[in-house]
N, C-alpha and C. Protein backbone atom coordinates (compact mmCIF):
# COMPACT_ATOMS: atom_id res chain seq x y z
N MET A 1 -12.23 -11.44 -27.98
CA MET A 1 -11.81 -12.26 -29.10
C MET A 1 -12.27 -13.68 -28.92
N THR A 2 -12.47 -14.34 -30.05
CA THR A 2 -12.88 -15.75 -30.00
C THR A 2 -11.77 -16.63 -30.53
N LYS A 3 -11.84 -17.91 -30.21
CA LYS A 3 -10.84 -18.87 -30.65
C LYS A 3 -11.14 -19.43 -32.04
N PHE A 4 -12.29 -19.11 -32.58
CA PHE A 4 -12.71 -19.71 -33.84
C PHE A 4 -11.79 -19.37 -35.01
N ALA A 5 -11.27 -18.17 -35.06
CA ALA A 5 -10.44 -17.78 -36.19
C ALA A 5 -9.15 -18.59 -36.24
N ALA A 6 -8.58 -18.94 -35.11
CA ALA A 6 -7.33 -19.68 -35.10
C ALA A 6 -7.54 -21.17 -35.37
N SER A 7 -8.71 -21.70 -35.07
CA SER A 7 -8.92 -23.14 -35.23
C SER A 7 -9.66 -23.50 -36.51
N ARG A 8 -9.90 -22.55 -37.39
CA ARG A 8 -10.60 -22.85 -38.62
C ARG A 8 -9.71 -23.60 -39.57
N ARG A 9 -10.27 -24.56 -40.24
CA ARG A 9 -9.50 -25.26 -41.25
C ARG A 9 -9.79 -24.64 -42.62
N PRO A 10 -8.84 -24.70 -43.53
CA PRO A 10 -9.06 -24.08 -44.85
C PRO A 10 -10.09 -24.84 -45.66
N LEU A 11 -10.79 -24.13 -46.50
CA LEU A 11 -11.77 -24.76 -47.39
C LEU A 11 -11.04 -25.56 -48.46
N PRO A 12 -11.62 -26.68 -48.91
CA PRO A 12 -10.94 -27.49 -49.92
C PRO A 12 -10.75 -26.75 -51.25
N THR A 13 -11.56 -25.75 -51.52
CA THR A 13 -11.45 -25.01 -52.79
C THR A 13 -10.67 -23.71 -52.63
N SER A 14 -10.04 -23.51 -51.50
CA SER A 14 -9.30 -22.27 -51.25
C SER A 14 -8.09 -22.16 -52.16
N PRO A 15 -7.90 -21.01 -52.81
CA PRO A 15 -6.71 -20.84 -53.65
C PRO A 15 -5.45 -20.60 -52.83
N PHE A 16 -5.56 -20.44 -51.52
CA PHE A 16 -4.43 -20.13 -50.67
C PHE A 16 -3.81 -21.35 -49.99
N LYS A 17 -4.42 -22.51 -50.16
CA LYS A 17 -3.85 -23.70 -49.54
C LYS A 17 -2.64 -24.15 -50.36
N PRO A 18 -1.68 -24.80 -49.76
CA PRO A 18 -0.51 -25.25 -50.51
C PRO A 18 -0.87 -26.33 -51.50
N ARG A 19 -0.24 -26.29 -52.66
CA ARG A 19 -0.50 -27.29 -53.69
C ARG A 19 0.24 -28.57 -53.35
N PRO A 20 -0.42 -29.72 -53.49
CA PRO A 20 0.30 -30.99 -53.25
C PRO A 20 1.31 -31.21 -54.35
N GLU A 21 2.42 -31.84 -54.00
CA GLU A 21 3.45 -32.13 -54.98
C GLU A 21 2.93 -33.16 -55.97
N ALA A 22 3.07 -32.85 -57.23
CA ALA A 22 2.60 -33.76 -58.27
C ALA A 22 3.61 -34.90 -58.45
N LEU A 23 3.09 -36.09 -58.67
CA LEU A 23 3.95 -37.23 -58.94
C LEU A 23 4.50 -37.10 -60.36
N PRO A 24 5.75 -37.48 -60.57
CA PRO A 24 6.29 -37.41 -61.93
C PRO A 24 5.56 -38.37 -62.86
N LYS A 25 5.33 -37.95 -64.07
CA LYS A 25 4.63 -38.78 -65.04
C LYS A 25 5.63 -39.57 -65.86
N HIS A 26 5.39 -40.86 -65.98
CA HIS A 26 6.23 -41.73 -66.78
C HIS A 26 5.36 -42.44 -67.81
N PHE A 27 5.80 -42.41 -69.05
CA PHE A 27 5.06 -43.04 -70.13
C PHE A 27 5.94 -44.11 -70.78
N THR A 28 5.31 -45.18 -71.23
CA THR A 28 6.01 -46.23 -71.95
C THR A 28 5.35 -46.42 -73.31
N VAL A 29 6.06 -47.07 -74.21
CA VAL A 29 5.53 -47.31 -75.56
C VAL A 29 4.26 -48.15 -75.45
N GLY A 30 3.23 -47.70 -76.14
CA GLY A 30 1.95 -48.40 -76.13
C GLY A 30 0.91 -47.80 -75.20
N ASP A 31 1.32 -46.87 -74.33
CA ASP A 31 0.35 -46.24 -73.42
C ASP A 31 -0.65 -45.40 -74.20
N ARG A 32 -1.91 -45.49 -73.81
CA ARG A 32 -2.95 -44.61 -74.36
C ARG A 32 -2.93 -43.34 -73.52
N VAL A 33 -2.96 -42.19 -74.19
CA VAL A 33 -2.89 -40.91 -73.49
C VAL A 33 -3.93 -39.95 -74.05
N THR A 34 -4.17 -38.91 -73.29
CA THR A 34 -4.98 -37.80 -73.76
C THR A 34 -4.20 -36.52 -73.54
N HIS A 35 -4.30 -35.62 -74.50
CA HIS A 35 -3.59 -34.33 -74.43
C HIS A 35 -4.63 -33.23 -74.55
N ASP A 36 -4.45 -32.17 -73.78
CA ASP A 36 -5.43 -31.09 -73.78
C ASP A 36 -5.55 -30.41 -75.15
N GLY A 37 -4.50 -30.37 -75.92
CA GLY A 37 -4.54 -29.71 -77.21
C GLY A 37 -4.72 -30.62 -78.40
N TYR A 38 -4.21 -31.85 -78.32
CA TYR A 38 -4.22 -32.76 -79.46
C TYR A 38 -5.26 -33.86 -79.37
N GLY A 39 -5.75 -34.18 -78.19
CA GLY A 39 -6.77 -35.20 -78.03
C GLY A 39 -6.20 -36.55 -77.64
N LEU A 40 -6.84 -37.64 -78.11
CA LEU A 40 -6.44 -39.00 -77.77
C LEU A 40 -5.28 -39.46 -78.63
N GLY A 41 -4.39 -40.24 -78.03
CA GLY A 41 -3.26 -40.74 -78.79
C GLY A 41 -2.63 -41.95 -78.13
N ARG A 42 -1.56 -42.47 -78.78
CA ARG A 42 -0.82 -43.62 -78.27
C ARG A 42 0.66 -43.29 -78.35
N VAL A 43 1.38 -43.60 -77.26
CA VAL A 43 2.82 -43.35 -77.22
C VAL A 43 3.51 -44.35 -78.14
N ILE A 44 4.34 -43.83 -79.07
CA ILE A 44 5.05 -44.71 -80.01
C ILE A 44 6.56 -44.61 -79.83
N GLY A 45 7.02 -43.70 -78.99
CA GLY A 45 8.45 -43.58 -78.75
C GLY A 45 8.72 -42.86 -77.44
N VAL A 46 9.83 -43.24 -76.78
CA VAL A 46 10.21 -42.65 -75.50
C VAL A 46 11.68 -42.26 -75.57
N GLU A 47 12.02 -41.06 -75.14
CA GLU A 47 13.41 -40.61 -75.11
C GLU A 47 13.88 -40.48 -73.68
N GLY A 48 15.02 -41.07 -73.37
CA GLY A 48 15.63 -40.91 -72.05
C GLY A 48 14.80 -41.44 -70.90
N ASP A 49 14.35 -42.68 -70.94
CA ASP A 49 13.53 -43.29 -69.88
C ASP A 49 12.24 -42.53 -69.62
N GLY A 50 11.77 -41.75 -70.56
CA GLY A 50 10.52 -41.03 -70.41
C GLY A 50 10.63 -39.72 -69.68
N ASP A 51 11.84 -39.32 -69.27
CA ASP A 51 11.97 -38.07 -68.55
C ASP A 51 12.46 -36.94 -69.44
N VAL A 52 12.63 -37.19 -70.75
CA VAL A 52 13.05 -36.14 -71.68
C VAL A 52 11.89 -35.77 -72.60
N ALA A 53 11.39 -36.75 -73.35
CA ALA A 53 10.29 -36.50 -74.28
C ALA A 53 9.66 -37.82 -74.69
N VAL A 54 8.44 -37.73 -75.21
CA VAL A 54 7.75 -38.89 -75.77
C VAL A 54 7.20 -38.51 -77.13
N LEU A 55 7.14 -39.48 -78.03
CA LEU A 55 6.55 -39.30 -79.34
C LEU A 55 5.18 -39.95 -79.32
N VAL A 56 4.15 -39.18 -79.65
CA VAL A 56 2.77 -39.65 -79.54
C VAL A 56 2.09 -39.56 -80.90
N ASP A 57 1.40 -40.64 -81.28
CA ASP A 57 0.61 -40.68 -82.51
C ASP A 57 -0.83 -40.32 -82.15
N PHE A 58 -1.29 -39.18 -82.67
CA PHE A 58 -2.65 -38.72 -82.40
C PHE A 58 -3.60 -39.02 -83.55
N GLY A 59 -3.23 -39.94 -84.43
CA GLY A 59 -4.10 -40.31 -85.55
C GLY A 59 -3.77 -39.50 -86.79
N SER A 60 -4.07 -38.24 -86.80
CA SER A 60 -3.81 -37.40 -87.96
C SER A 60 -2.41 -36.79 -87.95
N ARG A 61 -1.72 -36.87 -86.83
CA ARG A 61 -0.37 -36.31 -86.72
C ARG A 61 0.40 -36.96 -85.60
N GLN A 62 1.72 -36.84 -85.68
CA GLN A 62 2.59 -37.32 -84.61
C GLN A 62 3.26 -36.10 -84.00
N GLU A 63 3.30 -36.07 -82.68
CA GLU A 63 3.89 -34.95 -81.96
C GLU A 63 4.91 -35.43 -80.96
N ARG A 64 5.99 -34.67 -80.80
CA ARG A 64 6.99 -34.92 -79.77
C ARG A 64 6.65 -34.01 -78.59
N ILE A 65 6.28 -34.61 -77.48
CA ILE A 65 5.88 -33.87 -76.28
C ILE A 65 7.04 -33.93 -75.30
N THR A 66 7.52 -32.77 -74.85
CA THR A 66 8.66 -32.73 -73.94
C THR A 66 8.22 -32.65 -72.49
N HIS A 67 9.12 -33.03 -71.62
CA HIS A 67 8.90 -33.00 -70.17
C HIS A 67 8.89 -31.55 -69.72
N PRO A 68 8.09 -31.06 -68.82
CA PRO A 68 7.08 -31.76 -68.03
C PRO A 68 5.79 -31.91 -68.83
N TYR A 69 5.11 -32.99 -68.62
CA TYR A 69 3.92 -33.32 -69.39
C TYR A 69 2.67 -32.77 -68.70
N THR A 70 2.57 -31.44 -68.63
CA THR A 70 1.48 -30.84 -67.87
C THR A 70 0.12 -31.00 -68.54
N ALA A 71 0.09 -31.10 -69.86
CA ALA A 71 -1.19 -31.19 -70.57
C ALA A 71 -1.52 -32.60 -71.02
N MET A 72 -0.69 -33.59 -70.65
CA MET A 72 -0.90 -34.96 -71.10
C MET A 72 -1.09 -35.89 -69.92
N PHE A 73 -2.06 -36.80 -70.07
CA PHE A 73 -2.41 -37.72 -68.99
C PHE A 73 -2.57 -39.12 -69.54
N LYS A 74 -2.15 -40.11 -68.75
CA LYS A 74 -2.27 -41.52 -69.13
C LYS A 74 -3.71 -41.97 -68.87
N LEU A 75 -4.25 -42.75 -69.80
CA LEU A 75 -5.61 -43.28 -69.63
C LEU A 75 -5.57 -44.65 -69.01
């Protein structure tokens, strides 16, 4: 037997490595955001310090996005 199998480090693209804990997302009024389904927008309302839901104006429509904001990112 060789020692190589025990000392190998996981590949960065390995699906078996543990996922890092994601930081909670906080949005404030006026933030520019992007959403995977709706596109670019601006936060126009925040419910419960941003940990409940946010109201976002995407130009042609306004949407209430609830926590967790997995498909929305701050620009």
